[in-house]
Amino acid sequence: MALYSEKVMDHFRNPRNVGVIEDANGIGEVGNAKCGDIMKMYLKIEDDIIKDVKFETFGCGSAIASSSMATELIKGKPLEEAKKLTNQAVAEALDGLPDYKMHCSVLAQEAIEAAIEDYNKRK
């Protein structure tokens, strides 16, 4: 059995929404000291809709794939819906992650939460 699903490998090899949004109105950065992964999410929100989202991730393939998938799941969505995104939903959208890599999907969820929190503070 393969360690990673085809979706994980695709999002690792061809990550979506990589980069920086210069005029982002919500930025969240989180890290995991245990594994060294760091994620930064940039949100461009208009009328409480996520119009654009980009990420920068320093980490393993699972961290990059989780960041990529998370951005795909929230892009174009209302803030209230994006707030409800769980790490489990990210992992399921990737057709699963090994148990010891689930923390990567948690980081993606936390990065989105931090970016939304930053947006709310700026309003």
N, C-alpha and C. Protein backbone atom coordinates (compact mmCIF):
# COMPACT_ATOMS: atom_id res chain seq x y z
N MET A 1 0.85 -1.19 0.00
CA MET A 1 0.00 0.00 0.00
C MET A 1 0.89 1.25 0.00
N ALA A 2 0.52 2.22 -0.80
CA ALA A 2 1.28 3.46 -0.87
C ALA A 2 1.13 4.25 0.43
N LEU A 3 2.20 4.91 0.80
CA LEU A 3 2.20 5.72 2.02
C LEU A 3 1.26 6.91 1.87
N TYR A 4 1.26 7.53 0.68
CA TYR A 4 0.45 8.71 0.42
C TYR A 4 -0.50 8.46 -0.74
N SER A 5 -1.67 9.07 -0.67
CA SER A 5 -2.65 8.97 -1.75
C SER A 5 -2.18 9.76 -2.96
N GLU A 6 -2.80 9.48 -4.10
CA GLU A 6 -2.50 10.23 -5.32
C GLU A 6 -2.79 11.72 -5.13
N LYS A 7 -3.86 12.04 -4.38
CA LYS A 7 -4.20 13.45 -4.14
C LYS A 7 -3.12 14.15 -3.34
N VAL A 8 -2.59 13.48 -2.32
CA VAL A 8 -1.49 14.07 -1.53
C VAL A 8 -0.31 14.33 -2.46
N MET A 9 0.04 13.35 -3.25
CA MET A 9 1.19 13.50 -4.14
C MET A 9 0.96 14.61 -5.17
N ASP A 10 -0.26 14.71 -5.69
CA ASP A 10 -0.57 15.75 -6.66
C ASP A 10 -0.46 17.14 -6.03
N HIS A 11 -1.02 17.32 -4.84
CA HIS A 11 -0.95 18.63 -4.17
C HIS A 11 0.47 18.95 -3.70
N PHE A 12 1.27 17.93 -3.45
CA PHE A 12 2.67 18.16 -3.10
C PHE A 12 3.46 18.58 -4.34
N ARG A 13 3.29 17.84 -5.41
CA ARG A 13 4.04 18.12 -6.65
C ARG A 13 3.55 19.37 -7.38
N ASN A 14 2.26 19.64 -7.28
CA ASN A 14 1.64 20.76 -7.99
C ASN A 14 0.77 21.57 -7.02
N PRO A 15 1.38 22.17 -6.02
CA PRO A 15 0.57 22.89 -5.03
C PRO A 15 -0.19 24.06 -5.66
N ARG A 16 -1.42 24.21 -5.20
CA ARG A 16 -2.27 25.30 -5.66
C ARG A 16 -2.14 26.49 -4.72
N ASN A 17 -2.26 27.69 -5.25
CA ASN A 17 -2.35 28.92 -4.46
C ASN A 17 -1.09 29.22 -3.65
N VAL A 18 0.06 28.90 -4.18
CA VAL A 18 1.33 29.21 -3.50
C VAL A 18 1.66 30.67 -3.75
N GLY A 19 2.15 31.35 -2.73
CA GLY A 19 2.61 32.72 -2.91
C GLY A 19 2.17 33.64 -1.81
N VAL A 20 2.27 34.92 -2.11
CA VAL A 20 1.97 35.99 -1.15
C VAL A 20 0.90 36.89 -1.77
N ILE A 21 -0.02 37.35 -0.95
CA ILE A 21 -0.97 38.38 -1.37
C ILE A 21 -0.48 39.67 -0.71
N GLU A 22 0.05 40.57 -1.52
CA GLU A 22 0.66 41.79 -0.98
C GLU A 22 -0.32 42.64 -0.19
N ASP A 23 -1.58 42.71 -0.64
CA ASP A 23 -2.56 43.53 0.07
C ASP A 23 -3.55 42.67 0.86
N ALA A 24 -3.05 41.56 1.39
CA ALA A 24 -3.89 40.66 2.20
C ALA A 24 -4.46 41.43 3.39
N ASN A 25 -5.72 41.12 3.72
CA ASN A 25 -6.29 41.75 4.90
C ASN A 25 -6.49 40.75 6.04
N GLY A 26 -5.88 39.58 5.89
CA GLY A 26 -5.82 38.59 6.95
C GLY A 26 -4.61 37.70 6.72
N ILE A 27 -3.70 37.65 7.71
CA ILE A 27 -2.49 36.84 7.60
C ILE A 27 -2.35 36.00 8.87
N GLY A 28 -2.14 34.72 8.69
CA GLY A 28 -1.95 33.83 9.82
C GLY A 28 -0.70 33.00 9.64
N GLU A 29 0.11 32.92 10.69
CA GLU A 29 1.32 32.09 10.64
C GLU A 29 1.34 31.19 11.86
N VAL A 30 1.55 29.91 11.60
CA VAL A 30 1.61 28.91 12.67
C VAL A 30 2.77 27.97 12.40
N GLY A 31 3.19 27.30 13.46
CA GLY A 31 4.28 26.35 13.31
C GLY A 31 4.16 25.23 14.32
N ASN A 32 4.89 24.17 14.06
CA ASN A 32 4.94 23.02 14.95
C ASN A 32 6.40 22.81 15.32
N ALA A 33 6.75 23.12 16.54
CA ALA A 33 8.14 23.02 16.98
C ALA A 33 8.66 21.58 16.92
N LYS A 34 7.78 20.62 17.10
CA LYS A 34 8.19 19.21 17.11
C LYS A 34 8.73 18.76 15.75
N CYS A 35 8.04 19.17 14.68
CA CYS A 35 8.46 18.72 13.35
C CYS A 35 9.14 19.81 12.53
N GLY A 36 8.99 21.05 12.94
CA GLY A 36 9.64 22.16 12.23
C GLY A 36 8.83 22.76 11.10
N ASP A 37 7.61 22.27 10.86
CA ASP A 37 6.77 22.82 9.80
C ASP A 37 6.28 24.22 10.17
N ILE A 38 6.27 25.11 9.18
CA ILE A 38 5.75 26.47 9.36
C ILE A 38 4.83 26.77 8.19
N MET A 39 3.63 27.30 8.49
CA MET A 39 2.68 27.68 7.45
C MET A 39 2.27 29.12 7.63
N LYS A 40 2.16 29.81 6.51
CA LYS A 40 1.68 31.18 6.52
C LYS A 40 0.56 31.27 5.48
N MET A 41 -0.61 31.75 5.91
CA MET A 41 -1.77 31.90 5.02
C MET A 41 -2.08 33.37 4.86
N TYR A 42 -2.39 33.75 3.62
CA TYR A 42 -2.77 35.11 3.28
C TYR A 42 -4.20 35.07 2.73
N LEU A 43 -5.06 35.92 3.28
CA LEU A 43 -6.44 35.99 2.82
C LEU A 43 -6.75 37.37 2.28
N LYS A 44 -7.49 37.42 1.18
CA LYS A 44 -8.05 38.66 0.65
C LYS A 44 -9.56 38.47 0.77
N ILE A 45 -10.15 39.22 1.68
CA ILE A 45 -11.56 39.06 2.00
C ILE A 45 -12.32 40.32 1.59
N GLU A 46 -13.42 40.12 0.87
CA GLU A 46 -14.30 41.22 0.47
C GLU A 46 -15.73 40.79 0.75
N ASP A 47 -16.48 41.64 1.45
CA ASP A 47 -17.88 41.34 1.79
C ASP A 47 -18.01 39.98 2.47
N ASP A 48 -17.08 39.70 3.36
CA ASP A 48 -17.06 38.44 4.13
C ASP A 48 -16.95 37.18 3.25
N ILE A 49 -16.39 37.34 2.05
CA ILE A 49 -16.11 36.21 1.16
C ILE A 49 -14.60 36.16 0.92
N ILE A 50 -14.03 34.96 0.97
CA ILE A 50 -12.60 34.80 0.70
C ILE A 50 -12.41 34.85 -0.81
N LYS A 51 -12.00 36.00 -1.30
CA LYS A 51 -11.83 36.21 -2.74
C LYS A 51 -10.54 35.57 -3.24
N ASP A 52 -9.50 35.58 -2.39
CA ASP A 52 -8.22 34.98 -2.77
C ASP A 52 -7.54 34.46 -1.51
N VAL A 53 -6.75 33.42 -1.69
CA VAL A 53 -5.98 32.84 -0.60
C VAL A 53 -4.69 32.29 -1.17
N LYS A 54 -3.60 32.55 -0.48
CA LYS A 54 -2.29 32.04 -0.88
C LYS A 54 -1.60 31.52 0.39
N PHE A 55 -0.59 30.69 0.17
CA PHE A 55 0.16 30.17 1.32
C PHE A 55 1.63 30.05 1.00
N GLU A 56 2.41 30.08 2.06
CA GLU A 56 3.83 29.73 2.03
C GLU A 56 4.02 28.70 3.13
N THR A 57 4.58 27.57 2.77
CA THR A 57 4.82 26.51 3.76
C THR A 57 6.24 26.01 3.67
N PHE A 58 6.87 25.95 4.83
CA PHE A 58 8.18 25.32 4.96
C PHE A 58 7.92 24.03 5.71
N GLY A 59 8.05 22.90 5.02
CA GLY A 59 7.77 21.65 5.69
C GLY A 59 7.79 20.48 4.73
N CYS A 60 7.29 19.38 5.24
CA CYS A 60 7.29 18.13 4.49
C CYS A 60 6.20 18.13 3.43
N GLY A 61 6.17 17.07 2.65
CA GLY A 61 5.18 16.93 1.59
C GLY A 61 3.75 16.97 2.11
N SER A 62 3.50 16.37 3.26
CA SER A 62 2.15 16.38 3.84
C SER A 62 1.73 17.79 4.24
N ALA A 63 2.69 18.59 4.72
CA ALA A 63 2.38 19.97 5.11
C ALA A 63 2.05 20.80 3.88
N ILE A 64 2.80 20.62 2.82
CA ILE A 64 2.55 21.37 1.58
C ILE A 64 1.20 20.94 0.99
N ALA A 65 0.95 19.65 0.94
CA ALA A 65 -0.32 19.15 0.40
C ALA A 65 -1.50 19.63 1.24
N SER A 66 -1.35 19.63 2.55
CA SER A 66 -2.44 20.08 3.43
C SER A 66 -2.72 21.57 3.22
N SER A 67 -1.66 22.37 3.09
CA SER A 67 -1.83 23.80 2.83
C SER A 67 -2.56 24.02 1.51
N SER A 68 -2.10 23.33 0.49
CA SER A 68 -2.68 23.46 -0.84
C SER A 68 -4.16 23.09 -0.84
N MET A 69 -4.48 21.95 -0.27
CA MET A 69 -5.88 21.50 -0.24
C MET A 69 -6.74 22.44 0.59
N ALA A 70 -6.22 22.90 1.72
CA ALA A 70 -7.00 23.81 2.57
C ALA A 70 -7.36 25.09 1.81
N THR A 71 -6.42 25.62 1.03
CA THR A 71 -6.72 26.84 0.27
C THR A 71 -7.80 26.57 -0.77
N GLU A 72 -7.74 25.40 -1.40
CA GLU A 72 -8.76 25.04 -2.38
C GLU A 72 -10.15 24.93 -1.73
N LEU A 73 -10.19 24.44 -0.50
CA LEU A 73 -11.46 24.23 0.18
C LEU A 73 -12.12 25.52 0.65
N ILE A 74 -11.33 26.59 0.86
CA ILE A 74 -11.92 27.83 1.38
C ILE A 74 -12.03 28.95 0.34
N LYS A 75 -11.33 28.83 -0.75
CA LYS A 75 -11.34 29.90 -1.76
C LYS A 75 -12.75 30.09 -2.30
N GLY A 76 -13.21 31.35 -2.27
CA GLY A 76 -14.55 31.68 -2.75
C GLY A 76 -15.66 31.45 -1.75
N LYS A 77 -15.31 30.97 -0.57
CA LYS A 77 -16.31 30.64 0.44
C LYS A 77 -16.55 31.82 1.40
N PRO A 78 -17.74 31.87 1.99
CA PRO A 78 -17.99 32.86 3.04
C PRO A 78 -17.12 32.57 4.27
N LEU A 79 -16.78 33.62 4.99
CA LEU A 79 -15.94 33.45 6.19
C LEU A 79 -16.53 32.45 7.17
N GLU A 80 -17.84 32.51 7.37
CA GLU A 80 -18.48 31.61 8.34
C GLU A 80 -18.25 30.15 7.96
N GLU A 81 -18.26 29.86 6.68
CA GLU A 81 -18.02 28.49 6.22
C GLU A 81 -16.55 28.11 6.39
N ALA A 82 -15.66 29.04 6.04
CA ALA A 82 -14.21 28.78 6.16
C ALA A 82 -13.81 28.54 7.61
N LYS A 83 -14.46 29.23 8.53
CA LYS A 83 -14.16 29.05 9.97
C LYS A 83 -14.44 27.63 10.43
N LYS A 84 -15.36 26.96 9.76
CA LYS A 84 -15.78 25.61 10.17
C LYS A 84 -14.90 24.50 9.58
N LEU A 85 -13.94 24.87 8.73
CA LEU A 85 -13.08 23.85 8.13
C LEU A 85 -12.27 23.15 9.22
N THR A 86 -12.32 21.84 9.21
CA THR A 86 -11.58 21.06 10.21
C THR A 86 -10.38 20.38 9.57
N ASN A 87 -9.43 20.03 10.41
CA ASN A 87 -8.28 19.29 9.89
C ASN A 87 -8.72 17.95 9.32
N GLN A 88 -9.76 17.37 9.88
CA GLN A 88 -10.27 16.09 9.37
C GLN A 88 -10.80 16.25 7.95
N ALA A 89 -11.47 17.39 7.68
CA ALA A 89 -11.99 17.64 6.33
C ALA A 89 -10.84 17.81 5.34
N VAL A 90 -9.76 18.46 5.77
CA VAL A 90 -8.58 18.61 4.90
C VAL A 90 -8.00 17.23 4.59
N ALA A 91 -7.81 16.41 5.63
CA ALA A 91 -7.25 15.07 5.44
C ALA A 91 -8.14 14.21 4.55
N GLU A 92 -9.46 14.29 4.76
CA GLU A 92 -10.39 13.51 3.94
C GLU A 92 -10.35 13.95 2.48
N ALA A 93 -10.24 15.26 2.25
CA ALA A 93 -10.17 15.77 0.87
C ALA A 93 -8.91 15.30 0.16
N LEU A 94 -7.88 14.98 0.95
CA LEU A 94 -6.63 14.44 0.40
C LEU A 94 -6.66 12.92 0.31
N ASP A 95 -7.81 12.33 0.55
CA ASP A 95 -7.96 10.86 0.60
C ASP A 95 -7.10 10.25 1.70
N GLY A 96 -6.94 10.99 2.79
CA GLY A 96 -6.28 10.48 3.98
C GLY A 96 -4.81 10.85 4.09
N LEU A 97 -4.37 10.91 5.33
CA LEU A 97 -2.96 11.12 5.67
C LEU A 97 -2.57 10.04 6.68
N PRO A 98 -1.32 9.61 6.68
CA PRO A 98 -0.89 8.68 7.73
C PRO A 98 -1.10 9.32 9.10
N ASP A 99 -1.40 8.52 10.10
CA ASP A 99 -1.66 9.04 11.45
C ASP A 99 -0.57 9.98 11.93
N TYR A 100 0.66 9.63 11.67
CA TYR A 100 1.78 10.44 12.18
C TYR A 100 1.98 11.73 11.38
N LYS A 101 1.15 11.95 10.35
CA LYS A 101 1.20 13.19 9.56
C LYS A 101 -0.06 14.03 9.72
N MET A 102 -0.99 13.59 10.57
CA MET A 102 -2.24 14.35 10.77
C MET A 102 -1.98 15.75 11.32
N HIS A 103 -0.86 15.94 12.01
CA HIS A 103 -0.56 17.27 12.54
C HIS A 103 -0.42 18.30 11.42
N CYS A 104 -0.11 17.85 10.22
CA CYS A 104 0.01 18.77 9.07
C CYS A 104 -1.35 19.36 8.72
N SER A 105 -2.39 18.54 8.76
CA SER A 105 -3.74 19.06 8.49
C SER A 105 -4.20 19.97 9.61
N VAL A 106 -3.76 19.69 10.84
CA VAL A 106 -4.07 20.56 11.98
C VAL A 106 -3.43 21.93 11.76
N LEU A 107 -2.20 21.95 11.30
CA LEU A 107 -1.53 23.23 11.02
C LEU A 107 -2.28 24.04 9.97
N ALA A 108 -2.77 23.38 8.94
CA ALA A 108 -3.52 24.09 7.89
C ALA A 108 -4.78 24.72 8.48
N GLN A 109 -5.50 23.97 9.30
CA GLN A 109 -6.69 24.51 9.96
C GLN A 109 -6.31 25.69 10.85
N GLU A 110 -5.24 25.56 11.63
CA GLU A 110 -4.82 26.63 12.54
C GLU A 110 -4.35 27.87 11.79
N ALA A 111 -3.71 27.69 10.63
CA ALA A 111 -3.25 28.83 9.84
C ALA A 111 -4.44 29.63 9.31
N ILE A 112 -5.47 28.93 8.87
CA ILE A 112 -6.68 29.60 8.40
C ILE A 112 -7.35 30.33 9.56
N GLU A 113 -7.47 29.67 10.70
CA GLU A 113 -8.07 30.31 11.87
C GLU A 113 -7.30 31.56 12.26
N ALA A 114 -5.98 31.49 12.23
CA ALA A 114 -5.15 32.65 12.60
C ALA A 114 -5.32 33.79 11.60
N ALA A 115 -5.44 33.47 10.32
CA ALA A 115 -5.63 34.50 9.30
C ALA A 115 -7.00 35.17 9.45
N ILE A 116 -8.03 34.40 9.75
CA ILE A 116 -9.36 34.96 9.96
C ILE A 116 -9.37 35.82 11.22
N GLU A 117 -8.69 35.37 12.26
CA GLU A 117 -8.59 36.15 13.49
C GLU A 117 -7.88 37.47 13.23
N ASP A 118 -6.81 37.44 12.43
CA ASP A 118 -6.09 38.65 12.07
C ASP A 118 -7.01 39.59 11.29
N TYR A 119 -7.77 39.05 10.37
CA TYR A 119 -8.73 39.86 9.60
C TYR A 119 -9.72 40.56 10.52
N ASN A 120 -10.27 39.80 11.48
CA ASN A 120 -11.26 40.37 12.41
C ASN A 120 -10.65 41.46 13.28
N LYS A 121 -9.39 41.34 13.65
CA LYS A 121 -8.72 42.36 14.45
C LYS A 121 -8.51 43.64 13.65
N ARG A 122 -8.27 43.50 12.34
CA ARG A 122 -8.02 44.65 11.49
C ARG A 122 -9.28 45.43 11.14
N LYS A 123 -10.44 44.77 11.23
CA LYS A 123 -11.71 45.42 10.82
C LYS A 123 -12.04 46.60 11.69
